[in-house]
N, C-alpha and C. Protein backbone atom coordinates (compact mmCIF):
# COMPACT_ATOMS: atom_id res chain seq x y z
N MET A 1 -17.31 74.94 130.87
CA MET A 1 -18.11 75.04 129.67
C MET A 1 -17.91 76.41 129.02
N HIS A 2 -17.75 76.38 127.73
CA HIS A 2 -17.59 77.61 126.97
C HIS A 2 -18.76 77.74 126.02
N TYR A 3 -19.69 78.54 126.39
CA TYR A 3 -20.85 78.77 125.53
C TYR A 3 -20.65 80.06 124.76
N ASN A 4 -21.22 80.11 123.58
CA ASN A 4 -21.19 81.29 122.71
C ASN A 4 -19.78 81.67 122.28
N THR A 5 -18.86 80.72 122.25
CA THR A 5 -17.52 80.97 121.73
C THR A 5 -17.22 79.92 120.66
N LYS A 6 -16.53 80.33 119.64
CA LYS A 6 -16.15 79.41 118.57
C LYS A 6 -14.91 78.63 118.98
N PRO A 7 -14.81 77.34 118.62
CA PRO A 7 -13.62 76.56 118.95
C PRO A 7 -12.42 77.00 118.11
N ASP A 8 -11.24 76.83 118.66
CA ASP A 8 -10.00 77.17 117.95
C ASP A 8 -9.61 76.01 117.05
N LEU A 9 -9.68 76.21 115.75
CA LEU A 9 -9.35 75.16 114.79
C LEU A 9 -8.03 75.42 114.07
N SER A 10 -7.17 76.24 114.65
CA SER A 10 -5.92 76.58 113.99
C SER A 10 -4.95 75.40 113.91
N CYS A 11 -5.08 74.43 114.80
CA CYS A 11 -4.18 73.27 114.80
C CYS A 11 -4.75 72.08 114.05
N SER A 12 -5.95 72.20 113.51
CA SER A 12 -6.53 71.08 112.78
C SER A 12 -6.22 71.21 111.30
N HIS A 13 -5.99 70.09 110.65
CA HIS A 13 -5.64 70.06 109.24
C HIS A 13 -6.49 69.02 108.53
N ARG A 14 -6.59 69.15 107.21
CA ARG A 14 -7.40 68.26 106.40
C ARG A 14 -6.72 66.90 106.28
N PHE A 15 -7.50 65.82 106.48
CA PHE A 15 -6.96 64.48 106.34
C PHE A 15 -6.56 64.23 104.90
N GLY A 16 -5.41 63.63 104.69
CA GLY A 16 -4.92 63.33 103.35
C GLY A 16 -4.04 64.42 102.78
N CYS A 17 -3.82 65.52 103.51
CA CYS A 17 -2.96 66.57 102.97
C CYS A 17 -1.50 66.18 103.13
N ILE A 18 -0.64 66.87 102.40
CA ILE A 18 0.80 66.58 102.46
C ILE A 18 1.37 67.13 103.76
N ALA A 19 2.20 66.33 104.41
CA ALA A 19 2.88 66.73 105.64
C ALA A 19 4.38 66.52 105.44
N TYR A 20 5.16 67.51 105.82
CA TYR A 20 6.62 67.41 105.73
C TYR A 20 7.17 67.28 107.15
N ILE A 21 7.76 66.13 107.44
CA ILE A 21 8.30 65.85 108.78
C ILE A 21 9.77 66.24 108.81
N LEU A 22 10.18 66.88 109.90
CA LEU A 22 11.57 67.28 110.07
C LEU A 22 12.45 66.05 110.06
N ASN A 23 13.46 66.04 109.21
CA ASN A 23 14.41 64.93 109.10
C ASN A 23 15.52 65.16 110.11
N ASP A 24 15.44 64.46 111.25
CA ASP A 24 16.44 64.65 112.30
C ASP A 24 17.35 63.44 112.48
N SER A 25 17.50 62.67 111.41
CA SER A 25 18.34 61.47 111.51
C SER A 25 19.81 61.86 111.60
N PRO A 26 20.62 61.05 112.28
CA PRO A 26 22.05 61.38 112.41
C PRO A 26 22.80 61.31 111.08
N GLU A 27 22.25 60.59 110.09
CA GLU A 27 22.90 60.48 108.78
C GLU A 27 22.60 61.67 107.88
N TRP A 28 21.80 62.63 108.38
CA TRP A 28 21.40 63.78 107.57
C TRP A 28 22.62 64.61 107.21
N GLY A 29 22.80 64.86 105.91
CA GLY A 29 23.90 65.67 105.44
C GLY A 29 23.48 67.12 105.23
N LYS A 30 24.44 67.98 105.03
CA LYS A 30 24.17 69.40 104.90
C LYS A 30 23.31 69.71 103.68
N LEU A 31 23.46 68.97 102.61
CA LEU A 31 22.72 69.24 101.38
C LEU A 31 21.51 68.33 101.18
N ASP A 32 21.21 67.47 102.15
CA ASP A 32 20.04 66.59 102.07
C ASP A 32 18.77 67.38 102.39
N PRO A 33 17.62 66.92 101.91
CA PRO A 33 16.38 67.62 102.23
C PRO A 33 16.09 67.60 103.74
N LYS A 34 15.54 68.70 104.25
CA LYS A 34 15.27 68.78 105.69
C LYS A 34 13.95 68.12 106.06
N GLY A 35 13.09 67.85 105.07
CA GLY A 35 11.79 67.26 105.38
C GLY A 35 11.53 66.00 104.60
N LYS A 36 10.81 65.07 105.24
CA LYS A 36 10.37 63.85 104.57
C LYS A 36 8.89 64.00 104.26
N CYS A 37 8.49 63.67 103.03
CA CYS A 37 7.11 63.84 102.61
C CYS A 37 6.27 62.68 103.12
N ALA A 38 5.09 63.00 103.67
CA ALA A 38 4.19 61.99 104.20
C ALA A 38 2.75 62.46 104.00
N LEU A 39 1.81 61.67 104.49
CA LEU A 39 0.38 61.92 104.32
C LEU A 39 -0.27 61.94 105.70
N LEU A 40 -1.04 62.98 106.00
CA LEU A 40 -1.71 63.09 107.30
C LEU A 40 -2.86 62.09 107.38
N VAL A 41 -2.84 61.23 108.40
CA VAL A 41 -3.90 60.24 108.56
C VAL A 41 -4.68 60.41 109.85
N GLY A 42 -4.23 61.24 110.78
CA GLY A 42 -5.00 61.43 112.00
C GLY A 42 -4.20 62.10 113.10
N TYR A 43 -4.82 62.12 114.26
CA TYR A 43 -4.23 62.72 115.44
C TYR A 43 -3.95 61.63 116.47
N SER A 44 -2.88 61.75 117.18
CA SER A 44 -2.51 60.74 118.16
C SER A 44 -3.42 60.84 119.38
N GLU A 45 -3.83 59.70 119.90
CA GLU A 45 -4.70 59.66 121.08
C GLU A 45 -3.90 59.59 122.38
N THR A 46 -2.68 59.08 122.31
CA THR A 46 -1.91 58.86 123.54
C THR A 46 -0.82 59.88 123.79
N GLN A 47 -0.44 60.65 122.77
CA GLN A 47 0.61 61.64 122.94
C GLN A 47 0.31 62.85 122.06
N LYS A 48 1.02 63.93 122.31
CA LYS A 48 0.81 65.15 121.53
C LYS A 48 1.49 65.00 120.18
N GLY A 49 0.73 65.16 119.10
CA GLY A 49 1.30 65.06 117.77
C GLY A 49 0.30 64.56 116.75
N TRP A 50 0.74 64.51 115.52
CA TRP A 50 -0.08 64.05 114.40
C TRP A 50 0.45 62.71 113.92
N ARG A 51 -0.45 61.89 113.39
CA ARG A 51 -0.07 60.59 112.81
C ARG A 51 0.03 60.78 111.30
N VAL A 52 1.17 60.40 110.74
CA VAL A 52 1.38 60.53 109.30
C VAL A 52 1.84 59.19 108.73
N TYR A 53 1.52 58.98 107.46
CA TYR A 53 1.85 57.74 106.78
C TYR A 53 2.94 58.00 105.74
N HIS A 54 4.01 57.19 105.77
CA HIS A 54 5.09 57.27 104.79
C HIS A 54 4.82 56.24 103.70
N PRO A 55 4.48 56.65 102.47
CA PRO A 55 4.21 55.68 101.41
C PRO A 55 5.42 54.83 101.02
N GLU A 56 6.63 55.42 101.04
CA GLU A 56 7.82 54.66 100.64
C GLU A 56 8.15 53.57 101.66
N LYS A 57 8.05 53.90 102.94
CA LYS A 57 8.38 52.95 104.00
C LYS A 57 7.19 52.09 104.41
N LYS A 58 5.98 52.52 104.05
CA LYS A 58 4.72 51.84 104.42
C LYS A 58 4.60 51.70 105.93
N GLN A 59 4.79 52.83 106.64
CA GLN A 59 4.65 52.82 108.08
C GLN A 59 4.07 54.15 108.56
N ILE A 60 3.50 54.13 109.76
CA ILE A 60 2.90 55.32 110.36
C ILE A 60 3.82 55.83 111.46
N GLN A 61 3.96 57.15 111.53
CA GLN A 61 4.83 57.79 112.51
C GLN A 61 4.04 58.90 113.20
N VAL A 62 4.32 59.13 114.48
CA VAL A 62 3.73 60.23 115.22
C VAL A 62 4.81 61.28 115.45
N SER A 63 4.49 62.54 115.13
CA SER A 63 5.48 63.60 115.29
C SER A 63 4.79 64.93 115.56
N VAL A 64 5.52 65.83 116.19
CA VAL A 64 5.04 67.18 116.43
C VAL A 64 5.69 68.15 115.45
N HIS A 65 6.87 67.80 114.95
CA HIS A 65 7.65 68.68 114.09
C HIS A 65 7.26 68.49 112.64
N ILE A 66 6.10 69.04 112.27
CA ILE A 66 5.53 68.84 110.94
C ILE A 66 5.06 70.17 110.36
N LYS A 67 5.28 70.35 109.08
CA LYS A 67 4.71 71.46 108.30
C LYS A 67 3.68 70.87 107.36
N PHE A 68 2.53 71.52 107.22
CA PHE A 68 1.44 71.00 106.41
C PHE A 68 1.21 71.85 105.18
N ASP A 69 0.80 71.18 104.09
CA ASP A 69 0.34 71.85 102.88
C ASP A 69 -1.11 71.41 102.68
N ASP A 70 -2.05 72.19 103.23
CA ASP A 70 -3.46 71.81 103.22
C ASP A 70 -4.09 71.89 101.84
N ASN A 71 -3.45 72.56 100.91
CA ASN A 71 -4.05 72.75 99.58
C ASN A 71 -3.63 71.70 98.58
N ALA A 72 -2.76 70.78 98.96
CA ALA A 72 -2.27 69.77 98.01
C ALA A 72 -2.41 68.38 98.60
N ASP A 73 -2.69 67.42 97.72
CA ASP A 73 -2.71 66.01 98.10
C ASP A 73 -1.46 65.35 97.57
N LEU A 74 -1.04 64.28 98.21
CA LEU A 74 0.14 63.55 97.77
C LEU A 74 -0.10 62.90 96.41
N TYR A 75 -1.34 62.55 96.12
CA TYR A 75 -1.65 61.83 94.89
C TYR A 75 -2.35 62.70 93.87
N ASP A 76 -2.16 64.04 93.92
CA ASP A 76 -2.73 64.92 92.90
C ASP A 76 -2.16 64.64 91.54
N SER A 77 -0.88 64.30 91.47
CA SER A 77 -0.22 64.05 90.18
C SER A 77 -0.08 62.57 89.90
N PHE A 78 -0.80 61.73 90.62
CA PHE A 78 -0.72 60.28 90.44
C PHE A 78 -1.36 59.89 89.11
N VAL A 79 -0.69 59.06 88.36
CA VAL A 79 -1.20 58.55 87.08
C VAL A 79 -1.19 57.04 87.14
N ALA A 80 -2.33 56.44 86.88
CA ALA A 80 -2.41 54.97 86.88
C ALA A 80 -1.69 54.42 85.67
N GLY A 81 -1.32 53.16 85.72
CA GLY A 81 -0.62 52.53 84.63
C GLY A 81 -1.39 52.59 83.31
N GLY A 82 -0.76 53.11 82.27
CA GLY A 82 -1.39 53.21 80.96
C GLY A 82 -2.10 54.54 80.73
N GLU A 83 -2.25 55.38 81.77
CA GLU A 83 -2.91 56.68 81.61
C GLU A 83 -1.89 57.75 81.25
N TYR A 84 -2.39 58.81 80.63
CA TYR A 84 -1.54 59.96 80.30
C TYR A 84 -2.20 61.22 80.77
């Protein structure tokens, strides 16, 4: 038990923030982007890592090799059909 100590929140991030996953695919070229853009949806319960959602692929992936942008949302610049 740890009383009178604050918990370490350095590894926690805001849900819905942008996450860039390291692109380690074998087809990766020298001039291709090193990160794939995704959305943080949670923390993995069975393994070490974060769960992120890929909007283009419509799938969830668990990874440890992620950089986060806590100040931006993926849908900050989203415009609905007919809006300007």
